[in-house]
PDB file of N, CA and C in Angstrom:
ATOM      1  N   MET A   1       1.307  -7.783 -29.154  1.00  0.00           N
ATOM      2  CA  MET A   1       1.717  -7.761 -27.762  1.00  0.00           C
ATOM      3  C   MET A   1       0.828  -6.789 -26.994  1.00  0.00           C
ATOM      4  N   SER A   2       0.381  -7.191 -25.844  1.00  0.00           N
ATOM      5  CA  SER A   2      -0.510  -6.316 -25.075  1.00  0.00           C
ATOM      6  C   SER A   2       0.296  -5.256 -24.329  1.00  0.00           C
ATOM      7  N   GLU A   3      -0.363  -4.146 -24.117  1.00  0.00           N
ATOM      8  CA  GLU A   3       0.270  -3.030 -23.421  1.00  0.00           C
ATOM      9  C   GLU A   3       0.321  -3.315 -21.923  1.00  0.00           C
ATOM     10  N   PRO A   4       1.439  -2.974 -21.254  1.00  0.00           N
ATOM     11  CA  PRO A   4       1.509  -3.214 -19.806  1.00  0.00           C
ATOM     12  C   PRO A   4       0.461  -2.390 -19.063  1.00  0.00           C
ATOM     13  N   SER A   5      -0.025  -2.969 -17.980  1.00  0.00           N
ATOM     14  CA  SER A   5      -1.054  -2.304 -17.189  1.00  0.00           C
ATOM     15  C   SER A   5      -0.503  -1.066 -16.500  1.00  0.00           C
ATOM     16  N   LYS A   6      -1.330  -0.042 -16.408  1.00  0.00           N
ATOM     17  CA  LYS A   6      -0.947   1.172 -15.696  1.00  0.00           C
ATOM     18  C   LYS A   6      -1.458   1.154 -14.256  1.00  0.00           C
ATOM     19  N   ASN A   7      -2.145   0.076 -13.893  1.00  0.00           N
ATOM     20  CA  ASN A   7      -2.669  -0.063 -12.541  1.00  0.00           C
ATOM     21  C   ASN A   7      -1.607  -0.742 -11.674  1.00  0.00           C
ATOM     22  N   PHE A   8      -1.146  -0.046 -10.664  1.00  0.00           N
ATOM     23  CA  PHE A   8      -0.111  -0.545  -9.765  1.00  0.00           C
ATOM     24  C   PHE A   8      -0.496  -1.886  -9.152  1.00  0.00           C
ATOM     25  N   TRP A   9      -1.752  -2.054  -8.783  1.00  0.00           N
ATOM     26  CA  TRP A   9      -2.194  -3.247  -8.062  1.00  0.00           C
ATOM     27  C   TRP A   9      -2.243  -4.484  -8.945  1.00  0.00           C
ATOM     28  N   ASP A  10      -2.208  -4.319 -10.259  1.00  0.00           N
ATOM     29  CA  ASP A  10      -2.166  -5.472 -11.159  1.00  0.00           C
ATOM     30  C   ASP A  10      -0.840  -6.220 -11.052  1.00  0.00           C
ATOM     31  N   TYR A  11       0.185  -5.574 -10.560  1.00  0.00           N
ATOM     32  CA  TYR A  11       1.503  -6.182 -10.437  1.00  0.00           C
ATOM     33  C   TYR A  11       1.736  -6.823  -9.071  1.00  0.00           C
ATOM     34  N   LYS A  12       0.782  -6.727  -8.176  1.00  0.00           N
ATOM     35  CA  LYS A  12       0.942  -7.219  -6.813  1.00  0.00           C
ATOM     36  C   LYS A  12       0.160  -8.509  -6.600  1.00  0.00           C
ATOM     37  N   PRO A  13       0.706  -9.434  -5.793  1.00  0.00           N
ATOM     38  CA  PRO A  13      -0.026 -10.671  -5.486  1.00  0.00           C
ATOM     39  C   PRO A  13      -1.215 -10.396  -4.565  1.00  0.00           C
ATOM     40  N   GLY A  14      -2.043 -11.392  -4.370  1.00  0.00           N
ATOM     41  CA  GLY A  14      -3.256 -11.253  -3.561  1.00  0.00           C
ATOM     42  C   GLY A  14      -3.008 -10.787  -2.140  1.00  0.00           C
ATOM     43  N   TRP A  15      -1.914 -11.232  -1.546  1.00  0.00           N
ATOM     44  CA  TRP A  15      -1.643 -10.844  -0.160  1.00  0.00           C
ATOM     45  C   TRP A  15      -1.150  -9.410  -0.053  1.00  0.00           C
ATOM     46  N   CYS A  16      -0.925  -8.745  -1.171  1.00  0.00           N
ATOM     47  CA  CYS A  16      -0.425  -7.366  -1.157  1.00  0.00           C
ATOM     48  C   CYS A  16      -1.402  -6.434  -1.880  1.00  0.00           C
ATOM     49  N   GLN A  17      -2.676  -6.714  -1.776  1.00  0.00           N
ATOM     50  CA  GLN A  17      -3.725  -5.879  -2.360  1.00  0.00           C
ATOM     51  C   GLN A  17      -4.254  -4.932  -1.285  1.00  0.00           C
ATOM     52  N   PRO A  18      -4.929  -3.840  -1.689  1.00  0.00           N
ATOM     53  CA  PRO A  18      -5.412  -2.887  -0.685  1.00  0.00           C
ATOM     54  C   PRO A  18      -6.295  -3.523   0.392  1.00  0.00           C
ATOM     55  N   TRP A  19      -7.172  -4.436   0.010  1.00  0.00           N
ATOM     56  CA  TRP A  19      -8.060  -5.054   1.002  1.00  0.00           C
ATOM     57  C   TRP A  19      -7.271  -5.852   2.033  1.00  0.00           C
ATOM     58  N   SER A  20      -6.200  -6.540   1.603  1.00  0.00           N
ATOM     59  CA  SER A  20      -5.423  -7.333   2.556  1.00  0.00           C
ATOM     60  C   SER A  20      -4.570  -6.439   3.456  1.00  0.00           C
ATOM     61  N   ILE A  21      -4.085  -5.321   2.904  1.00  0.00           N
ATOM     62  CA  ILE A  21      -3.313  -4.379   3.709  1.00  0.00           C
ATOM     63  C   ILE A  21      -4.206  -3.736   4.769  1.00  0.00           C
ATOM     64  N   LEU A  22      -5.415  -3.349   4.378  1.00  0.00           N
ATOM     65  CA  LEU A  22      -6.348  -2.742   5.339  1.00  0.00           C
ATOM     66  C   LEU A  22      -6.784  -3.741   6.407  1.00  0.00           C
ATOM     67  N   LEU A  23      -7.093  -4.979   6.010  1.00  0.00           N
ATOM     68  CA  LEU A  23      -7.508  -5.987   6.991  1.00  0.00           C
ATOM     69  C   LEU A  23      -6.380  -6.326   7.964  1.00  0.00           C
ATOM     70  N   THR A  24      -5.179  -6.469   7.451  1.00  0.00           N
ATOM     71  CA  THR A  24      -4.046  -6.785   8.320  1.00  0.00           C
ATOM     72  C   THR A  24      -3.773  -5.642   9.296  1.00  0.00           C
ATOM     73  N   GLY A  25      -3.745  -4.418   8.778  1.00  0.00           N
ATOM     74  CA  GLY A  25      -3.509  -3.267   9.649  1.00  0.00           C
ATOM     75  C   GLY A  25      -4.607  -3.102  10.684  1.00  0.00           C
ATOM     76  N   GLY A  26      -5.856  -3.270  10.245  1.00  0.00           N
ATOM     77  CA  GLY A  26      -6.974  -3.181  11.191  1.00  0.00           C
ATOM     78  C   GLY A  26      -6.890  -4.249  12.265  1.00  0.00           C
ATOM     79  N   GLY A  27      -6.474  -5.448  11.865  1.00  0.00           N
ATOM     80  CA  GLY A  27      -6.304  -6.529  12.841  1.00  0.00           C
ATOM     81  C   GLY A  27      -5.189  -6.238  13.833  1.00  0.00           C
ATOM     82  N   ILE A  28      -4.115  -5.632  13.352  1.00  0.00           N
ATOM     83  CA  ILE A  28      -3.005  -5.274  14.244  1.00  0.00           C
ATOM     84  C   ILE A  28      -3.445  -4.204  15.236  1.00  0.00           C
ATOM     85  N   ILE A  29      -4.177  -3.194  14.740  1.00  0.00           N
ATOM     86  CA  ILE A  29      -4.666  -2.135  15.629  1.00  0.00           C
ATOM     87  C   ILE A  29      -5.611  -2.714  16.676  1.00  0.00           C
ATOM     88  N   LEU A  30      -6.574  -3.508  16.212  1.00  0.00           N
ATOM     89  CA  LEU A  30      -7.538  -4.105  17.142  1.00  0.00           C
ATOM     90  C   LEU A  30      -6.846  -5.046  18.122  1.00  0.00           C
ATOM     91  N   GLY A  31      -5.924  -5.847  17.614  1.00  0.00           N
ATOM     92  CA  GLY A  31      -5.199  -6.776  18.479  1.00  0.00           C
ATOM     93  C   GLY A  31      -4.339  -6.070  19.504  1.00  0.00           C
ATOM     94  N   SER A  32      -3.738  -4.940  19.104  1.00  0.00           N
ATOM     95  CA  SER A  32      -2.899  -4.214  20.060  1.00  0.00           C
ATOM     96  C   SER A  32      -3.737  -3.633  21.194  1.00  0.00           C
ATOM     97  N   TRP A  33      -4.957  -3.236  20.880  1.00  0.00           N
ATOM     98  CA  TRP A  33      -5.808  -2.693  21.941  1.00  0.00           C
ATOM     99  C   TRP A  33      -6.409  -3.808  22.797  1.00  0.00           C
ATOM    100  N   LEU A  34      -6.955  -4.820  22.147  1.00  0.00           N
ATOM    101  CA  LEU A  34      -7.574  -5.908  22.906  1.00  0.00           C
ATOM    102  C   LEU A  34      -6.545  -6.721  23.683  1.00  0.00           C
ATOM    103  N   GLY A  35      -5.320  -6.787  23.164  1.00  0.00           N
ATOM    104  CA  GLY A  35      -4.285  -7.576  23.820  1.00  0.00           C
ATOM    105  C   GLY A  35      -3.744  -6.954  25.089  1.00  0.00           C
ATOM    106  N   VAL A  36      -3.525  -5.642  25.069  1.00  0.00           N
ATOM    107  CA  VAL A  36      -2.890  -5.021  26.232  1.00  0.00           C
ATOM    108  C   VAL A  36      -3.776  -4.004  26.940  1.00  0.00           C
ATOM    109  N   LYS A  37      -4.691  -3.377  26.205  1.00  0.00           N
ATOM    110  CA  LYS A  37      -5.594  -2.354  26.749  1.00  0.00           C
ATOM    111  C   LYS A  37      -4.841  -1.231  27.475  1.00  0.00           C
ATOM    112  N   ILE A  38      -3.669  -0.916  26.926  1.00  0.00           N
ATOM    113  CA  ILE A  38      -2.868   0.192  27.449  1.00  0.00           C
ATOM    114  C   ILE A  38      -2.699   1.169  26.297  1.00  0.00           C
ATOM    115  N   TRP A  39      -3.253   2.366  26.444  1.00  0.00           N
ATOM    116  CA  TRP A  39      -3.289   3.317  25.331  1.00  0.00           C
ATOM    117  C   TRP A  39      -1.914   3.734  24.856  1.00  0.00           C
ATOM    118  N   TRP A  40      -0.938   3.820  25.777  1.00  0.00           N
ATOM    119  CA  TRP A  40       0.381   4.286  25.365  1.00  0.00           C
ATOM    120  C   TRP A  40       1.181   3.216  24.635  1.00  0.00           C
ATOM    121  N   ILE A  41       0.677   2.002  24.607  1.00  0.00           N
ATOM    122  CA  ILE A  41       1.262   0.960  23.752  1.00  0.00           C
ATOM    123  C   ILE A  41       0.480   0.879  22.441  1.00  0.00           C
ATOM    124  N   ALA A  42      -0.843   0.932  22.519  1.00  0.00           N
ATOM    125  CA  ALA A  42      -1.690   0.812  21.330  1.00  0.00           C
ATOM    126  C   ALA A  42      -1.571   2.030  20.410  1.00  0.00           C
ATOM    127  N   THR A  43      -1.359   3.209  20.967  1.00  0.00           N
ATOM    128  CA  THR A  43      -1.283   4.427  20.147  1.00  0.00           C
ATOM    129  C   THR A  43      -0.072   4.431  19.206  1.00  0.00           C
ATOM    130  N   PRO A  44       1.140   4.135  19.668  1.00  0.00           N
ATOM    131  CA  PRO A  44       2.254   4.084  18.712  1.00  0.00           C
ATOM    132  C   PRO A  44       2.091   2.990  17.655  1.00  0.00           C
ATOM    133  N   ILE A  45       1.519   1.857  18.055  1.00  0.00           N
ATOM    134  CA  ILE A  45       1.265   0.787  17.083  1.00  0.00           C
ATOM    135  C   ILE A  45       0.291   1.277  16.027  1.00  0.00           C
ATOM    136  N   THR A  46      -0.759   1.968  16.455  1.00  0.00           N
ATOM    137  CA  THR A  46      -1.727   2.535  15.510  1.00  0.00           C
ATOM    138  C   THR A  46      -1.050   3.545  14.594  1.00  0.00           C
ATOM    139  N   GLY A  47      -0.192   4.378  15.147  1.00  0.00           N
ATOM    140  CA  GLY A  47       0.539   5.350  14.336  1.00  0.00           C
ATOM    141  C   GLY A  47       1.412   4.687  13.289  1.00  0.00           C
ATOM    142  N   LEU A  48       2.084   3.601  13.658  1.00  0.00           N
ATOM    143  CA  LEU A  48       2.917   2.879  12.696  1.00  0.00           C
ATOM    144  C   LEU A  48       2.078   2.245  11.590  1.00  0.00           C
ATOM    145  N   VAL A  49       0.922   1.704  11.954  1.00  0.00           N
ATOM    146  CA  VAL A  49       0.025   1.125  10.945  1.00  0.00           C
ATOM    147  C   VAL A  49      -0.476   2.213  10.005  1.00  0.00           C
ATOM    148  N   LEU A  50      -0.823   3.374  10.540  1.00  0.00           N
ATOM    149  CA  LEU A  50      -1.282   4.473   9.695  1.00  0.00           C
ATOM    150  C   LEU A  50      -0.186   4.937   8.740  1.00  0.00           C
ATOM    151  N   LEU A  51       1.055   4.977   9.214  1.00  0.00           N
ATOM    152  CA  LEU A  51       2.176   5.321   8.328  1.00  0.00           C
ATOM    153  C   LEU A  51       2.366   4.263   7.248  1.00  0.00           C
ATOM    154  N   TRP A  52       2.223   3.002   7.632  1.00  0.00           N
ATOM    155  CA  TRP A  52       2.313   1.889   6.679  1.00  0.00           C
ATOM    156  C   TRP A  52       1.238   2.038   5.601  1.00  0.00           C
ATOM    157  N   TRP A  53       0.006   2.337   6.029  1.00  0.00           N
ATOM    158  CA  TRP A  53      -1.084   2.542   5.068  1.00  0.00           C
ATOM    159  C   TRP A  53      -0.799   3.728   4.156  1.00  0.00           C
ATOM    160  N   LEU A  54      -0.335   4.821   4.729  1.00  0.00           N
ATOM    161  CA  LEU A  54      -0.016   6.001   3.924  1.00  0.00           C
ATOM    162  C   LEU A  54       1.024   5.659   2.861  1.00  0.00           C
ATOM    163  N   TYR A  55       2.050   4.955   3.275  1.00  0.00           N
ATOM    164  CA  TYR A  55       3.126   4.615   2.350  1.00  0.00           C
ATOM    165  C   TYR A  55       2.656   3.650   1.259  1.00  0.00           C
ATOM    166  N   PHE A  56       2.078   2.510   1.642  1.00  0.00           N
ATOM    167  CA  PHE A  56       1.745   1.473   0.672  1.00  0.00           C
ATOM    168  C   PHE A  56       0.435   1.683  -0.070  1.00  0.00           C
ATOM    169  N   LEU A  57      -0.497   2.418   0.507  1.00  0.00           N
ATOM    170  CA  LEU A  57      -1.790   2.605  -0.158  1.00  0.00           C
ATOM    171  C   LEU A  57      -1.897   3.924  -0.909  1.00  0.00           C
ATOM    172  N   ILE A  58      -1.050   4.896  -0.562  1.00  0.00           N
ATOM    173  CA  ILE A  58      -1.158   6.206  -1.206  1.00  0.00           C
ATOM    174  C   ILE A  58       0.131   6.583  -1.928  1.00  0.00           C
ATOM    175  N   LEU A  59       1.253   6.625  -1.225  1.00  0.00           N
ATOM    176  CA  LEU A  59       2.489   7.138  -1.810  1.00  0.00           C
ATOM    177  C   LEU A  59       3.089   6.222  -2.887  1.00  0.00           C
ATOM    178  N   VAL A  60       3.148   4.928  -2.636  1.00  0.00           N
ATOM    179  CA  VAL A  60       3.739   4.023  -3.623  1.00  0.00           C
ATOM    180  C   VAL A  60       2.909   3.968  -4.902  1.00  0.00           C
ATOM    181  N   PRO A  61       1.576   3.792  -4.840  1.00  0.00           N
ATOM    182  CA  PRO A  61       0.803   3.815  -6.093  1.00  0.00           C
ATOM    183  C   PRO A  61       0.893   5.169  -6.809  1.00  0.00           C
ATOM    184  N   TRP A  62       0.931   6.263  -6.062  1.00  0.00           N
ATOM    185  CA  TRP A  62       1.057   7.592  -6.679  1.00  0.00           C
ATOM    186  C   TRP A  62       2.395   7.706  -7.403  1.00  0.00           C
ATOM    187  N   SER A  63       3.468   7.240  -6.765  1.00  0.00           N
ATOM    188  CA  SER A  63       4.788   7.280  -7.377  1.00  0.00           C
ATOM    189  C   SER A  63       4.832   6.409  -8.634  1.00  0.00           C
ATOM    190  N   PHE A  64       4.206   5.244  -8.582  1.00  0.00           N
ATOM    191  CA  PHE A  64       4.142   4.361  -9.740  1.00  0.00           C
ATOM    192  C   PHE A  64       3.412   5.055 -10.891  1.00  0.00           C
ATOM    193  N   ARG A  65       2.295   5.685 -10.581  1.00  0.00           N
ATOM    194  CA  ARG A  65       1.510   6.402 -11.595  1.00  0.00           C
ATOM    195  C   ARG A  65       2.334   7.523 -12.222  1.00  0.00           C
ATOM    196  N   GLN A  66       3.070   8.254 -11.384  1.00  0.00           N
ATOM    197  CA  GLN A  66       3.909   9.340 -11.884  1.00  0.00           C
ATOM    198  C   GLN A  66       5.008   8.805 -12.801  1.00  0.00           C
ATOM    199  N   SER A  67       5.614   7.698 -12.426  1.00  0.00           N
ATOM    200  CA  SER A  67       6.680   7.141 -13.257  1.00  0.00           C
ATOM    201  C   SER A  67       6.119   6.607 -14.572  1.00  0.00           C
ATOM    202  N   GLN A  68       4.898   6.078 -14.548  1.00  0.00           N
ATOM    203  CA  GLN A  68       4.270   5.601 -15.781  1.00  0.00           C
ATOM    204  C   GLN A  68       3.977   6.748 -16.731  1.00  0.00           C
ATOM    205  N   MET A  69       3.565   7.884 -16.188  1.00  0.00           N
ATOM    206  CA  MET A  69       3.251   9.036 -17.025  1.00  0.00           C
ATOM    207  C   MET A  69       4.521   9.691 -17.558  1.00  0.00           C
ATOM    208  N   ALA A  70       5.628   9.600 -16.820  1.00  0.00           N
ATOM    209  CA  ALA A  70       6.856  10.272 -17.214  1.00  0.00           C
ATOM    210  C   ALA A  70       7.685   9.448 -18.203  1.00  0.00           C
ATOM    211  N   SER A  71       7.558   8.128 -18.168  1.00  0.00           N
ATOM    212  CA  SER A  71       8.389   7.304 -19.041  1.00  0.00           C
ATOM    213  C   SER A  71       7.831   7.299 -20.466  1.00  0.00           C
ATOM    214  N   PRO A  72       8.725   7.390 -21.427  1.00  0.00           N
ATOM    215  CA  PRO A  72       8.264   7.372 -22.821  1.00  0.00           C
ATOM    216  C   PRO A  72       7.770   5.984 -23.220  1.00  0.00           C
ATOM    217  N   SER A  73       6.944   5.937 -24.208  1.00  0.00           N
ATOM    218  CA  SER A  73       6.407   4.676 -24.705  1.00  0.00           C
ATOM    219  C   SER A  73       7.515   3.869 -25.368  1.00  0.00           C
ATOM    220  N   ASP A  74       7.431   2.549 -25.269  1.00  0.00           N
ATOM    221  CA  ASP A  74       8.425   1.681 -25.902  1.00  0.00           C
ATOM    222  C   ASP A  74       8.391   1.815 -27.417  1.00  0.00           C
ATOM    223  N   GLN A  75       7.283   2.220 -27.971  1.00  0.00           N
ATOM    224  CA  GLN A  75       7.150   2.327 -29.408  1.00  0.00           C
ATOM    225  C   GLN A  75       7.879   3.549 -29.963  1.00  0.00           C
ATOM    226  N   ASP A  76       8.195   4.523 -29.127  1.00  0.00           N
ATOM    227  CA  ASP A  76       8.854   5.738 -29.578  1.00  0.00           C
ATOM    228  C   ASP A  76      10.349   5.537 -29.827  1.00  0.00           C
ATOM    229  N   THR A  77      10.935   4.484 -29.270  1.00  0.00           N
ATOM    230  CA  THR A  77      12.369   4.273 -29.433  1.00  0.00           C
ATOM    231  C   THR A  77      12.619   3.495 -30.722  1.00  0.00           C
ATOM    232  N   PRO A  78      13.680   3.843 -31.441  1.00  0.00           N
ATOM    233  CA  PRO A  78      13.968   3.143 -32.707  1.00  0.00           C
ATOM    234  C   PRO A  78      14.523   1.760 -32.504  1.00  0.00           C
TER     235      PRO A  78
END
């Protein structure tokens, strides 16, 4: 039996990979500016996208990595 992957992104479908998250967020930021050209609307949208990136591109994979390192191996249990 093969060992489960320790790479968080191996468990995610194509539409939920870092490149797709960055392209979608970049498109939302660009679209919010080109669509309205009002900084006080585009700025909060940009802030929300940046929070989304922070959460899904940094915090979730880091948390997954931490949980992988903390959990005991399946072979250690009787």
